[in-house]
Amino acid sequence: MRQLPAGSMTLPALHFPRFFPLALLAGCLLGPAAVHAMGVVPETSVVIVDEADGEGTISVKNTDDHPTLLHTTIEPIPEDDAVLVVVTPPIARVEGGAVQLVRFVLASDAPLATQRLARASFSGIPPQRPGRNEIRTIIRQNLPVLIQPRDLARNDAPWTLLKWSVEGGELVVRNDSRYVVRLEQKVQLLPTRQIVSLPAPYVLAGQTRRIALAERPATLEQVRIFPATVYGYSVDHYDAALAPRAADAASHR
């Protein structure tokens, strides 16, 4: 297994649509002006919050040799906009080469029925140095936050619980379990090897997702998916059988 890279993107503080070419242009126009990049790096690729502990933590390192402001926020996913956790500290000064511990505290005492999913954004904001002609760059790391119910047993392969079928010209995946399943959006139909795409890189607990098929392959038997473990490691692939079509099942009764 290989570890998934932390999701990240580089945003210019001046909100240019495309930073890299503009940064080069700025360097030419400003002469000695510095084009400045910095980075904050979380220690893991997933934040896990355990209801039994009431919180989860992650260490974030400032990999540069100068101080930075670490700004941490929680971003809900479209299907679940509840305030699940609170970040502390939301803003912290981190010296060059130093590590900051960030806590994710459960926002409610209500028992969790299923695993829940959110996103955490870690942004490093470099200092403005007086008298310097600089373009400051913000490096943002965006990680999944998985919230684990107290009474839910650990499952290292929750994707095996997904149920796949073809219904009315659509590929349907149902997650009747209490687990969140994270996976690549591409799904390969077997044996034809046709590729279709999920609308998001996860299937929530209790969720059903549908993918329109241009045409149903006559010999469609399985789907091949590329899941991720709870701790952020990707699995090469997993092949899941399709449930028999209703008409086929009825003919065998």
C-alpha atoms as a PDB file:
ATOM      1  CA  MET A   1       0.000   0.000   0.000  1.00  0.00           C
ATOM      2  CA  ARG A   2       1.099   3.562  -0.586  1.00  0.00           C
ATOM      3  CA  GLN A   3       0.226   6.654   1.415  1.00  0.00           C
ATOM      4  CA  LEU A   4      -1.982   9.163  -0.299  1.00  0.00           C
ATOM      5  CA  PRO A   5      -0.440  12.626  -0.592  1.00  0.00           C
ATOM      6  CA  ALA A   6      -2.108  15.309   1.482  1.00  0.00           C
ATOM      7  CA  GLY A   7      -4.394  17.412  -0.658  1.00  0.00           C
ATOM      8  CA  SER A   8      -2.761  20.749  -1.264  1.00  0.00           C
ATOM      9  CA  MET A   9      -2.936  23.773  -3.462  1.00  0.00           C
ATOM     10  CA  THR A  10      -0.989  26.995  -3.760  1.00  0.00           C
ATOM     11  CA  LEU A  11      -2.913  30.257  -3.643  1.00  0.00           C
ATOM     12  CA  PRO A  12      -1.415  33.701  -4.231  1.00  0.00           C
ATOM     13  CA  ALA A  13      -2.226  36.170  -1.484  1.00  0.00           C
ATOM     14  CA  LEU A  14      -3.047  38.744  -4.184  1.00  0.00           C
ATOM     15  CA  HIS A  15      -5.741  36.450  -5.646  1.00  0.00           C
ATOM     16  CA  PHE A  16      -4.294  36.179  -9.134  1.00  0.00           C
ATOM     17  CA  PRO A  17      -6.027  33.435 -11.149  1.00  0.00           C
ATOM     18  CA  ARG A  18      -2.746  31.743 -12.072  1.00  0.00           C
ATOM     19  CA  PHE A  19       0.162  32.354  -9.737  1.00  0.00           C
ATOM     20  CA  PHE A  20       3.172  30.794 -11.352  1.00  0.00           C
ATOM     21  CA  PRO A  21       3.454  32.808 -14.605  1.00  0.00           C
ATOM     22  CA  LEU A  22       2.580  36.022 -12.754  1.00  0.00           C
ATOM     23  CA  ALA A  23       5.194  35.295 -10.108  1.00  0.00           C
ATOM     24  CA  LEU A  24       7.832  34.968 -12.818  1.00  0.00           C
ATOM     25  CA  LEU A  25       6.643  38.196 -14.428  1.00  0.00           C
ATOM     26  CA  ALA A  26       6.758  39.965 -11.064  1.00  0.00           C
ATOM     27  CA  GLY A  27      10.320  38.758 -10.542  1.00  0.00           C
ATOM     28  CA  CYS A  28      11.343  40.282 -13.875  1.00  0.00           C
ATOM     29  CA  LEU A  29       9.568  43.588 -13.255  1.00  0.00           C
ATOM     30  CA  LEU A  30      10.659  44.028  -9.649  1.00  0.00           C
ATOM     31  CA  GLY A  31      14.274  43.027 -10.178  1.00  0.00           C
ATOM     32  CA  PRO A  32      15.623  42.239  -6.690  1.00  0.00           C
ATOM     33  CA  ALA A  33      12.147  41.727  -5.274  1.00  0.00           C
ATOM     34  CA  ALA A  34      11.786  38.288  -3.699  1.00  0.00           C
ATOM     35  CA  VAL A  35       9.136  35.808  -4.771  1.00  0.00           C
ATOM     36  CA  HIS A  36       8.394  34.075  -1.506  1.00  0.00           C
ATOM     37  CA  ALA A  37       7.080  30.528  -0.934  1.00  0.00           C
ATOM     38  CA  MET A  38       6.527  28.764   2.347  1.00  0.00           C
ATOM     39  CA  GLY A  39       4.893  25.612   3.565  1.00  0.00           C
ATOM     40  CA  VAL A  40       3.095  24.086   6.517  1.00  0.00           C
ATOM     41  CA  VAL A  41       2.996  20.289   6.457  1.00  0.00           C
ATOM     42  CA  PRO A  42       0.613  18.099   8.534  1.00  0.00           C
ATOM     43  CA  GLU A  43       2.173  14.915   9.945  1.00  0.00           C
ATOM     44  CA  THR A  44      -0.571  12.653   8.542  1.00  0.00           C
ATOM     45  CA  SER A  45      -2.942  12.702   5.572  1.00  0.00           C
ATOM     46  CA  VAL A  46      -6.125  12.228   7.649  1.00  0.00           C
ATOM     47  CA  VAL A  47      -7.416  13.820  10.855  1.00  0.00           C
ATOM     48  CA  ILE A  48      -9.188  11.240  13.031  1.00  0.00           C
ATOM     49  CA  VAL A  49     -11.496  12.406  15.813  1.00  0.00           C
ATOM     50  CA  ASP A  50     -12.600   9.653  18.195  1.00  0.00           C
ATOM     51  CA  GLU A  51     -15.845  10.217  20.073  1.00  0.00           C
ATOM     52  CA  ALA A  52     -14.469   8.162  22.972  1.00  0.00           C
ATOM     53  CA  ASP A  53     -11.689  10.735  23.436  1.00  0.00           C
ATOM     54  CA  GLY A  54     -13.819  13.766  22.633  1.00  0.00           C
ATOM     55  CA  GLU A  55     -11.165  15.086  20.263  1.00  0.00           C
ATOM     56  CA  GLY A  56      -8.395  14.337  17.804  1.00  0.00           C
ATOM     57  CA  THR A  57      -5.039  16.019  17.245  1.00  0.00           C
ATOM     58  CA  ILE A  58      -2.529  16.528  14.471  1.00  0.00           C
ATOM     59  CA  SER A  59       0.942  18.070  14.417  1.00  0.00           C
ATOM     60  CA  VAL A  60       1.722  20.613  11.704  1.00  0.00           C
ATOM     61  CA  LYS A  61       5.304  21.603  10.886  1.00  0.00           C
ATOM     62  CA  ASN A  62       6.482  24.921   9.495  1.00  0.00           C
ATOM     63  CA  THR A  63       9.085  23.716   6.998  1.00  0.00           C
ATOM     64  CA  ASP A  64      10.444  27.197   6.323  1.00  0.00           C
ATOM     65  CA  ASP A  65      13.190  29.033   8.183  1.00  0.00           C
ATOM     66  CA  HIS A  66      11.005  31.996   9.123  1.00  0.00           C
ATOM     67  CA  PRO A  67       7.854  32.345  11.284  1.00  0.00           C
ATOM     68  CA  THR A  68       4.421  31.872   9.788  1.00  0.00           C
ATOM     69  CA  LEU A  69       0.821  32.199  10.916  1.00  0.00           C
ATOM     70  CA  LEU A  70      -0.897  28.817  10.790  1.00  0.00           C
ATOM     71  CA  HIS A  71      -4.602  29.287  10.063  1.00  0.00           C
ATOM     72  CA  THR A  72      -6.734  26.149  10.519  1.00  0.00           C
ATOM     73  CA  THR A  73     -10.388  25.944   9.506  1.00  0.00           C
ATOM     74  CA  ILE A  74     -13.074  23.278   9.170  1.00  0.00           C
ATOM     75  CA  GLU A  75     -14.879  22.994   5.849  1.00  0.00           C
ATOM     76  CA  PRO A  76     -18.113  20.966   5.747  1.00  0.00           C
ATOM     77  CA  ILE A  77     -18.847  18.702   2.809  1.00  0.00           C
ATOM     78  CA  PRO A  78     -21.928  19.475   0.669  1.00  0.00           C
ATOM     79  CA  GLU A  79     -23.955  16.556   2.086  1.00  0.00           C
ATOM     80  CA  ASP A  80     -23.251  17.363   5.749  1.00  0.00           C
ATOM     81  CA  ASP A  81     -23.010  21.005   6.831  1.00  0.00           C
ATOM     82  CA  ALA A  82     -23.334  20.334  10.575  1.00  0.00           C
ATOM     83  CA  VAL A  83     -20.755  21.886  12.904  1.00  0.00           C
ATOM     84  CA  LEU A  84     -19.033  18.695  13.995  1.00  0.00           C
ATOM     85  CA  VAL A  85     -15.749  19.862  15.517  1.00  0.00           C
ATOM     86  CA  VAL A  86     -14.100  23.046  16.750  1.00  0.00           C
ATOM     87  CA  VAL A  87     -10.452  23.820  16.009  1.00  0.00           C
ATOM     88  CA  THR A  88      -8.065  25.065  18.672  1.00  0.00           C
ATOM     89  CA  PRO A  89      -6.031  27.129  18.150  1.00  0.00           C
ATOM     90  CA  PRO A  90      -7.570  28.441  14.907  1.00  0.00           C
ATOM     91  CA  ILE A  91      -4.577  30.764  14.430  1.00  0.00           C
ATOM     92  CA  ALA A  92      -1.081  30.220  15.805  1.00  0.00           C
ATOM     93  CA  ARG A  93       2.355  31.706  15.187  1.00  0.00           C
ATOM     94  CA  VAL A  94       4.776  28.909  14.327  1.00  0.00           C
ATOM     95  CA  GLU A  95       8.504  29.604  14.285  1.00  0.00           C
ATOM     96  CA  GLY A  96      10.653  28.375  11.420  1.00  0.00           C
ATOM     97  CA  GLY A  97      11.188  24.623  11.704  1.00  0.00           C
ATOM     98  CA  ALA A  98       8.822  24.351  14.678  1.00  0.00           C
ATOM     99  CA  VAL A  99       5.781  22.094  15.110  1.00  0.00           C
ATOM    100  CA  GLN A 100       2.304  23.184  16.230  1.00  0.00           C
ATOM    101  CA  LEU A 101      -0.227  20.778  17.757  1.00  0.00           C
ATOM    102  CA  VAL A 102      -3.773  21.437  16.518  1.00  0.00           C
ATOM    103  CA  ARG A 103      -6.764  19.996  18.377  1.00  0.00           C
ATOM    104  CA  PHE A 104     -10.128  19.098  16.852  1.00  0.00           C
ATOM    105  CA  VAL A 105     -12.699  19.033  19.656  1.00  0.00           C
ATOM    106  CA  LEU A 106     -16.183  17.565  19.218  1.00  0.00           C
ATOM    107  CA  ALA A 107     -18.735  20.368  19.110  1.00  0.00           C
ATOM    108  CA  SER A 108     -21.646  18.360  20.544  1.00  0.00           C
ATOM    109  CA  ASP A 109     -22.267  15.796  23.274  1.00  0.00           C
ATOM    110  CA  ALA A 110     -24.962  14.069  21.192  1.00  0.00           C
ATOM    111  CA  PRO A 111     -23.998  10.441  20.440  1.00  0.00           C
ATOM    112  CA  LEU A 112     -22.809   9.729  16.918  1.00  0.00           C
ATOM    113  CA  ALA A 113     -24.819   7.119  15.020  1.00  0.00           C
ATOM    114  CA  THR A 114     -22.382   6.822  12.101  1.00  0.00           C
ATOM    115  CA  GLN A 115     -18.964   7.960  11.017  1.00  0.00           C
ATOM    116  CA  ARG A 116     -19.013  11.549   9.769  1.00  0.00           C
ATOM    117  CA  LEU A 117     -16.799  13.388   7.319  1.00  0.00           C
ATOM    118  CA  ALA A 118     -15.546  16.965   7.011  1.00  0.00           C
ATOM    119  CA  ARG A 119     -12.433  18.709   5.667  1.00  0.00           C
ATOM    120  CA  ALA A 120      -9.657  20.578   7.484  1.00  0.00           C
ATOM    121  CA  SER A 121      -7.724  23.369   5.794  1.00  0.00           C
ATOM    122  CA  PHE A 122      -4.244  24.337   7.021  1.00  0.00           C
ATOM    123  CA  SER A 123      -2.924  27.615   5.592  1.00  0.00           C
ATOM    124  CA  GLY A 124       0.497  29.117   6.242  1.00  0.00           C
ATOM    125  CA  ILE A 125       0.453  32.912   6.040  1.00  0.00           C
ATOM    126  CA  PRO A 126       3.968  34.376   5.735  1.00  0.00           C
ATOM    127  CA  PRO A 127       4.838  37.634   7.515  1.00  0.00           C
ATOM    128  CA  GLN A 128       4.933  40.944   5.664  1.00  0.00           C
ATOM    129  CA  ARG A 129       8.500  42.206   5.883  1.00  0.00           C
ATOM    130  CA  PRO A 130       8.779  46.025   5.968  1.00  0.00           C
ATOM    131  CA  GLY A 131      10.564  47.627   3.054  1.00  0.00           C
ATOM    132  CA  ARG A 132      10.539  44.461   0.937  1.00  0.00           C
ATOM    133  CA  ASN A 133       8.964  44.220  -2.511  1.00  0.00           C
ATOM    134  CA  GLU A 134       7.549  40.721  -2.145  1.00  0.00           C
ATOM    135  CA  ILE A 135       4.768  38.585  -3.465  1.00  0.00           C
ATOM    136  CA  ARG A 136       3.568  36.518  -0.524  1.00  0.00           C
ATOM    137  CA  THR A 137       2.320  33.020  -1.239  1.00  0.00           C
ATOM    138  CA  ILE A 138      -0.093  30.940   0.823  1.00  0.00           C
ATOM    139  CA  ILE A 139       0.384  27.167   0.784  1.00  0.00           C
ATOM    140  CA  ARG A 140      -2.805  25.365   1.756  1.00  0.00           C
ATOM    141  CA  GLN A 141      -3.126  21.734   2.800  1.00  0.00           C
ATOM    142  CA  ASN A 142      -6.634  20.270   2.771  1.00  0.00           C
ATOM    143  CA  LEU A 143      -7.232  16.972   4.588  1.00  0.00           C
ATOM    144  CA  PRO A 144     -10.256  14.786   5.368  1.00  0.00           C
ATOM    145  CA  VAL A 145     -11.536  14.761   8.948  1.00  0.00           C
ATOM    146  CA  LEU A 146     -13.082  11.423   9.936  1.00  0.00           C
ATOM    147  CA  ILE A 147     -15.195  11.356  13.097  1.00  0.00           C
ATOM    148  CA  GLN A 148     -15.496   7.934  14.698  1.00  0.00           C
ATOM    149  CA  PRO A 149     -18.471   6.907  16.920  1.00  0.00           C
ATOM    150  CA  ARG A 150     -17.650   5.554  20.347  1.00  0.00           C
ATOM    151  CA  ASP A 151     -19.429   2.212  19.842  1.00  0.00           C
ATOM    152  CA  LEU A 152     -18.337   1.504  16.260  1.00  0.00           C
ATOM    153  CA  ALA A 153     -15.702  -1.204  15.851  1.00  0.00           C
ATOM    154  CA  ARG A 154     -12.671  -0.476  13.727  1.00  0.00           C
ATOM    155  CA  ASN A 155     -13.004  -1.676  10.128  1.00  0.00           C
ATOM    156  CA  ASP A 156      -9.909  -1.508   7.943  1.00  0.00           C
ATOM    157  CA  ALA A 157     -11.793  -2.360   4.737  1.00  0.00           C
ATOM    158  CA  PRO A 158     -15.234  -0.676   4.838  1.00  0.00           C
ATOM    159  CA  TRP A 159     -15.410  -0.613   1.028  1.00  0.00           C
ATOM    160  CA  THR A 160     -16.221  -4.331   1.104  1.00  0.00           C
ATOM    161  CA  LEU A 161     -19.612  -3.377   2.590  1.00  0.00           C
ATOM    162  CA  LEU A 162     -20.684  -1.356  -0.451  1.00  0.00           C
ATOM    163  CA  LYS A 163     -23.451  -2.861  -2.597  1.00  0.00           C
ATOM    164  CA  TRP A 164     -23.254  -2.346  -6.364  1.00  0.00           C
ATOM    165  CA  SER A 165     -25.989  -2.864  -8.952  1.00  0.00           C
ATOM    166  CA  VAL A 166     -27.272  -1.601 -12.296  1.00  0.00           C
ATOM    167  CA  GLU A 167     -30.782  -0.151 -12.230  1.00  0.00           C
ATOM    168  CA  GLY A 168     -32.569   1.636 -15.050  1.00  0.00           C
ATOM    169  CA  GLY A 169     -29.424   2.471 -16.981  1.00  0.00           C
ATOM    170  CA  GLU A 170     -27.523   3.629 -13.904  1.00  0.00           C
ATOM    171  CA  LEU A 171     -24.707   2.155 -11.869  1.00  0.00           C
ATOM    172  CA  VAL A 172     -25.867   2.300  -8.254  1.00  0.00           C
ATOM    173  CA  VAL A 173     -23.732   2.021  -5.129  1.00  0.00           C
ATOM    174  CA  ARG A 174     -25.344   1.768  -1.705  1.00  0.00           C
ATOM    175  CA  ASN A 175     -23.584   2.135   1.612  1.00  0.00           C
ATOM    176  CA  ASP A 176     -25.899   0.593   4.197  1.00  0.00           C
ATOM    177  CA  SER A 177     -23.122   0.499   6.786  1.00  0.00           C
ATOM    178  CA  ARG A 178     -22.183   2.996   9.510  1.00  0.00           C
ATOM    179  CA  TYR A 179     -18.806   3.646   7.901  1.00  0.00           C
ATOM    180  CA  VAL A 180     -17.634   6.363   5.538  1.00  0.00           C
ATOM    181  CA  VAL A 181     -15.915   4.895   2.482  1.00  0.00           C
ATOM    182  CA  ARG A 182     -13.281   7.046   0.771  1.00  0.00           C
ATOM    183  CA  LEU A 183     -12.142   6.082  -2.704  1.00  0.00           C
ATOM    184  CA  GLU A 184     -10.995   7.445  -6.028  1.00  0.00           C
ATOM    185  CA  GLN A 185     -13.800   8.794  -8.169  1.00  0.00           C
ATOM    186  CA  LYS A 186     -12.985   6.535 -11.112  1.00  0.00           C
ATOM    187  CA  VAL A 187     -14.824   3.216 -11.258  1.00  0.00           C
ATOM    188  CA  GLN A 188     -13.876   0.575 -13.810  1.00  0.00           C
ATOM    189  CA  LEU A 189     -16.548  -1.711 -15.221  1.00  0.00           C
ATOM    190  CA  LEU A 190     -15.449  -5.306 -15.710  1.00  0.00           C
ATOM    191  CA  PRO A 191     -14.760  -7.099 -17.933  1.00  0.00           C
ATOM    192  CA  THR A 192     -15.129  -4.242 -20.472  1.00  0.00           C
ATOM    193  CA  ARG A 193     -12.750  -1.912 -18.544  1.00  0.00           C
ATOM    194  CA  GLN A 194     -14.989   1.063 -19.283  1.00  0.00           C
ATOM    195  CA  ILE A 195     -14.357   3.958 -16.858  1.00  0.00           C
ATOM    196  CA  VAL A 196     -17.128   5.931 -15.158  1.00  0.00           C
ATOM    197  CA  SER A 197     -16.855   8.535 -12.411  1.00  0.00           C
ATOM    198  CA  LEU A 198     -18.425   8.952  -8.995  1.00  0.00           C
ATOM    199  CA  PRO A 199     -19.624  12.492  -8.187  1.00  0.00           C
ATOM    200  CA  ALA A 200     -17.357  12.668  -5.106  1.00  0.00           C
ATOM    201  CA  PRO A 201     -14.404  10.722  -3.635  1.00  0.00           C
ATOM    202  CA  TYR A 202     -16.486   9.195  -0.849  1.00  0.00           C
ATOM    203  CA  VAL A 203     -19.723   7.389  -0.072  1.00  0.00           C
ATOM    204  CA  LEU A 204     -21.163   8.418   3.272  1.00  0.00           C
ATOM    205  CA  ALA A 205     -22.802   6.076   5.750  1.00  0.00           C
ATOM    206  CA  GLY A 206     -26.364   5.398   4.591  1.00  0.00           C
ATOM    207  CA  GLN A 207     -25.783   7.116   1.242  1.00  0.00           C
ATOM    208  CA  THR A 208     -26.718   5.935  -2.250  1.00  0.00           C
ATOM    209  CA  ARG A 209     -24.923   7.261  -5.315  1.00  0.00           C
ATOM    210  CA  ARG A 210     -25.959   6.815  -8.947  1.00  0.00           C
ATOM    211  CA  ILE A 211     -23.894   7.068 -12.126  1.00  0.00           C
ATOM    212  CA  ALA A 212     -25.604   7.293 -15.512  1.00  0.00           C
ATOM    213  CA  LEU A 213     -24.348   4.725 -18.025  1.00  0.00           C
ATOM    214  CA  ALA A 214     -24.259   5.621 -21.712  1.00  0.00           C
ATOM    215  CA  GLU A 215     -25.112   2.004 -22.414  1.00  0.00           C
ATOM    216  CA  ARG A 216     -25.193  -1.088 -20.272  1.00  0.00           C
ATOM    217  CA  PRO A 217     -22.456  -3.539 -21.258  1.00  0.00           C
ATOM    218  CA  ALA A 218     -24.059  -6.908 -21.925  1.00  0.00           C
ATOM    219  CA  THR A 219     -21.391  -8.738 -19.957  1.00  0.00           C
ATOM    220  CA  LEU A 220     -21.038  -6.376 -16.999  1.00  0.00           C
ATOM    221  CA  GLU A 221     -20.176  -8.520 -13.972  1.00  0.00           C
ATOM    222  CA  GLN A 222     -18.024  -6.502 -11.557  1.00  0.00           C
ATOM    223  CA  VAL A 223     -16.769  -3.037 -10.705  1.00  0.00           C
ATOM    224  CA  ARG A 224     -13.175  -2.226  -9.833  1.00  0.00           C
ATOM    225  CA  ILE A 225     -12.662   0.534  -7.279  1.00  0.00           C
ATOM    226  CA  PHE A 226      -9.580   2.144  -5.758  1.00  0.00           C
ATOM    227  CA  PRO A 227     -10.329   2.757  -2.068  1.00  0.00           C
ATOM    228  CA  ALA A 228      -8.416   4.471   0.726  1.00  0.00           C
ATOM    229  CA  THR A 229      -8.032   3.127   4.243  1.00  0.00           C
ATOM    230  CA  VAL A 230      -9.069   5.039   7.334  1.00  0.00           C
ATOM    231  CA  TYR A 231      -5.471   6.124   7.865  1.00  0.00           C
ATOM    232  CA  GLY A 232      -4.968   7.528   4.385  1.00  0.00           C
ATOM    233  CA  TYR A 233      -3.398   4.621   2.537  1.00  0.00           C
ATOM    234  CA  SER A 234      -4.651   3.656  -0.898  1.00  0.00           C
ATOM    235  CA  VAL A 235      -5.349   0.071  -1.912  1.00  0.00           C
ATOM    236  CA  ASP A 236      -4.269  -1.012  -5.403  1.00  0.00           C
ATOM    237  CA  HIS A 237      -7.832  -1.977  -6.253  1.00  0.00           C
ATOM    238  CA  TYR A 238     -10.841  -3.951  -5.068  1.00  0.00           C
ATOM    239  CA  ASP A 239     -13.230  -5.854  -7.339  1.00  0.00           C
ATOM    240  CA  ALA A 240     -16.853  -5.987  -6.207  1.00  0.00           C
ATOM    241  CA  ALA A 241     -19.549  -8.179  -7.723  1.00  0.00           C
ATOM    242  CA  LEU A 242     -22.686  -6.602  -9.116  1.00  0.00           C
ATOM    243  CA  ALA A 243     -26.004  -7.674  -7.651  1.00  0.00           C
ATOM    244  CA  PRO A 244     -28.103  -9.585 -10.210  1.00  0.00           C
ATOM    245  CA  ARG A 245     -30.676  -7.562 -12.113  1.00  0.00           C
ATOM    246  CA  ALA A 246     -34.214  -7.880 -10.798  1.00  0.00           C
ATOM    247  CA  ALA A 247     -35.390  -9.565 -14.008  1.00  0.00           C
ATOM    248  CA  ASP A 248     -32.518 -12.055 -13.897  1.00  0.00           C
ATOM    249  CA  ALA A 249     -33.137 -12.818 -10.240  1.00  0.00           C
ATOM    250  CA  ALA A 250     -36.849 -13.385 -10.882  1.00  0.00           C
ATOM    251  CA  SER A 251     -36.135 -15.807 -13.747  1.00  0.00           C
ATOM    252  CA  HIS A 252     -34.084 -18.028 -11.420  1.00  0.00           C
ATOM    253  CA  ARG A 253     -36.750 -18.394  -8.751  1.00  0.00           C
END
